[in-house]
Amino acid sequence: MNKKVFLIGYSEHGRVAADILLRSGRDLIAYCENEEKKDNIYELEYWGVETNPDAQEKLSAHDYFIAVGNSVTRDKIYSHVSHSN
C-alpha cells in the first residue's frame, strides 16, 4: 500500500511532477511552497513551507516528492528534510 504523497514545490516543475504522480496512481494530497498558489489546478491542500514545524511533522507520515527544478535548491531541500526525518 502506498502512503499518500505531497509535493515540495508547486511551480511549473511541480505541476509536471504532480501530473506524473497522479497518472501513476499515487494519492497526491498536498504541497509545500513559499506561498499558496492561486491557480491550484490539482486542488491540493497547502501545507506552507517545508521548514515549518507542521509540515515537518507530516514528513514521516507521508511520502514526499521534491519537485524543484533548480538542482542546488533541490539538494538543500533534500538535505533539510532528510535530516528532519
C-alpha atoms as a PDB file:
ATOM      1  CA  MET A   1       0.000   0.000   0.000  1.00  0.00           C
ATOM      2  CA  ASN A   2       1.360   3.413  -0.968  1.00  0.00           C
ATOM      3  CA  LYS A   3       1.453   6.217   1.529  1.00  0.00           C
ATOM      4  CA  LYS A   4      -0.151   9.449   0.495  1.00  0.00           C
ATOM      5  CA  VAL A   5       2.307  11.811  -1.141  1.00  0.00           C
ATOM      6  CA  PHE A   6       2.842  15.541  -1.093  1.00  0.00           C
ATOM      7  CA  LEU A   7       4.942  17.814  -3.249  1.00  0.00           C
ATOM      8  CA  ILE A   8       7.678  20.127  -2.129  1.00  0.00           C
ATOM      9  CA  GLY A   9       7.500  22.761  -4.838  1.00  0.00           C
ATOM     10  CA  TYR A  10       4.422  23.517  -6.925  1.00  0.00           C
ATOM     11  CA  SER A  11       5.527  25.744  -9.767  1.00  0.00           C
ATOM     12  CA  GLU A  12       5.900  24.561 -13.371  1.00  0.00           C
ATOM     13  CA  HIS A  13       8.263  21.694 -12.478  1.00  0.00           C
ATOM     14  CA  GLY A  14       5.974  20.727  -9.609  1.00  0.00           C
ATOM     15  CA  ARG A  15       2.919  20.604 -11.831  1.00  0.00           C
ATOM     16  CA  VAL A  16       4.678  18.241 -14.217  1.00  0.00           C
ATOM     17  CA  ALA A  17       5.648  16.051 -11.256  1.00  0.00           C
ATOM     18  CA  ALA A  18       2.064  16.186  -9.949  1.00  0.00           C
ATOM     19  CA  ASP A  19       0.720  15.039 -13.300  1.00  0.00           C
ATOM     20  CA  ILE A  20       3.160  12.113 -13.408  1.00  0.00           C
ATOM     21  CA  LEU A  21       2.405  11.082  -9.812  1.00  0.00           C
ATOM     22  CA  LEU A  22      -1.347  11.194 -10.379  1.00  0.00           C
ATOM     23  CA  ARG A  23      -1.117   9.254 -13.652  1.00  0.00           C
ATOM     24  CA  SER A  24       0.960   6.670 -11.771  1.00  0.00           C
ATOM     25  CA  GLY A  25      -1.886   6.133  -9.335  1.00  0.00           C
ATOM     26  CA  ARG A  26      -0.369   7.963  -6.368  1.00  0.00           C
ATOM     27  CA  ASP A  27      -2.649   9.702  -3.894  1.00  0.00           C
ATOM     28  CA  LEU A  28      -1.359  13.276  -4.112  1.00  0.00           C
ATOM     29  CA  ILE A  29      -2.788  15.272  -1.220  1.00  0.00           C
ATOM     30  CA  ALA A  30      -0.843  18.486  -0.600  1.00  0.00           C
ATOM     31  CA  TYR A  31       2.076  20.723  -1.436  1.00  0.00           C
ATOM     32  CA  CYS A  32       4.697  22.818   0.320  1.00  0.00           C
ATOM     33  CA  GLU A  33       5.737  26.084  -1.261  1.00  0.00           C
ATOM     34  CA  ASN A  34       6.894  29.552  -0.219  1.00  0.00           C
ATOM     35  CA  GLU A  35       3.375  30.873  -0.711  1.00  0.00           C
ATOM     36  CA  GLU A  36      -0.032  29.446  -1.503  1.00  0.00           C
ATOM     37  CA  LYS A  37      -0.707  29.136  -5.232  1.00  0.00           C
ATOM     38  CA  LYS A  38      -3.779  30.899  -6.599  1.00  0.00           C
ATOM     39  CA  ASP A  39      -4.045  28.571  -9.582  1.00  0.00           C
ATOM     40  CA  ASN A  40      -4.028  25.277  -7.735  1.00  0.00           C
ATOM     41  CA  ILE A  41      -5.012  23.144 -10.735  1.00  0.00           C
ATOM     42  CA  TYR A  42      -4.927  19.857  -8.805  1.00  0.00           C
ATOM     43  CA  GLU A  43      -6.770  21.336  -5.799  1.00  0.00           C
ATOM     44  CA  LEU A  44      -4.079  20.230  -3.363  1.00  0.00           C
ATOM     45  CA  GLU A  45      -4.015  21.308   0.255  1.00  0.00           C
ATOM     46  CA  TYR A  46      -1.378  23.945   1.059  1.00  0.00           C
ATOM     47  CA  TRP A  47       0.926  22.969   3.945  1.00  0.00           C
ATOM     48  CA  GLY A  48       3.153  26.059   3.989  1.00  0.00           C
ATOM     49  CA  VAL A  49       6.925  25.966   3.684  1.00  0.00           C
ATOM     50  CA  GLU A  50       8.579  22.580   4.193  1.00  0.00           C
ATOM     51  CA  THR A  51      10.673  24.008   7.050  1.00  0.00           C
ATOM     52  CA  ASN A  52       7.665  24.905   9.189  1.00  0.00           C
ATOM     53  CA  PRO A  53       7.017  22.563  12.131  1.00  0.00           C
ATOM     54  CA  ASP A  54       3.578  21.440  10.896  1.00  0.00           C
ATOM     55  CA  ALA A  55       4.954  20.333   7.524  1.00  0.00           C
ATOM     56  CA  GLN A  56       7.954  18.635   9.120  1.00  0.00           C
ATOM     57  CA  GLU A  57       5.648  16.615  11.364  1.00  0.00           C
ATOM     58  CA  LYS A  58       3.858  15.298   8.271  1.00  0.00           C
ATOM     59  CA  LEU A  59       7.097  14.219   6.560  1.00  0.00           C
ATOM     60  CA  SER A  60       7.259  10.959   8.480  1.00  0.00           C
ATOM     61  CA  ALA A  61       3.613  10.095   7.858  1.00  0.00           C
ATOM     62  CA  HIS A  62       3.651  10.637   4.100  1.00  0.00           C
ATOM     63  CA  ASP A  63       5.850  10.187   1.092  1.00  0.00           C
ATOM     64  CA  TYR A  64       7.116  13.368  -0.472  1.00  0.00           C
ATOM     65  CA  PHE A  65       8.491  14.359  -3.839  1.00  0.00           C
ATOM     66  CA  ILE A  66      10.832  17.323  -4.181  1.00  0.00           C
ATOM     67  CA  ALA A  67       9.585  18.980  -7.346  1.00  0.00           C
ATOM     68  CA  VAL A  68      12.007  21.882  -7.595  1.00  0.00           C
ATOM     69  CA  GLY A  69      13.772  22.391 -10.918  1.00  0.00           C
ATOM     70  CA  ASN A  70      16.891  24.112  -9.580  1.00  0.00           C
ATOM     71  CA  SER A  71      19.302  21.336  -8.556  1.00  0.00           C
ATOM     72  CA  VAL A  72      21.125  23.422  -5.928  1.00  0.00           C
ATOM     73  CA  THR A  73      17.865  24.365  -4.241  1.00  0.00           C
ATOM     74  CA  ARG A  74      16.589  20.796  -4.566  1.00  0.00           C
ATOM     75  CA  ASP A  75      19.741  19.458  -2.863  1.00  0.00           C
ATOM     76  CA  LYS A  76      19.351  21.947   0.001  1.00  0.00           C
ATOM     77  CA  ILE A  77      15.736  20.955   0.500  1.00  0.00           C
ATOM     78  CA  TYR A  78      16.622  17.268   0.418  1.00  0.00           C
ATOM     79  CA  SER A  79      19.378  17.772   2.999  1.00  0.00           C
ATOM     80  CA  HIS A  80      16.957  19.573   5.261  1.00  0.00           C
ATOM     81  CA  VAL A  81      14.030  17.160   5.014  1.00  0.00           C
ATOM     82  CA  SER A  82      16.156  14.014   5.155  1.00  0.00           C
ATOM     83  CA  HIS A  83      17.731  15.190   8.409  1.00  0.00           C
ATOM     84  CA  SER A  84      14.324  16.137   9.835  1.00  0.00           C
ATOM     85  CA  ASN A  85      13.012  12.635   9.349  1.00  0.00           C
END
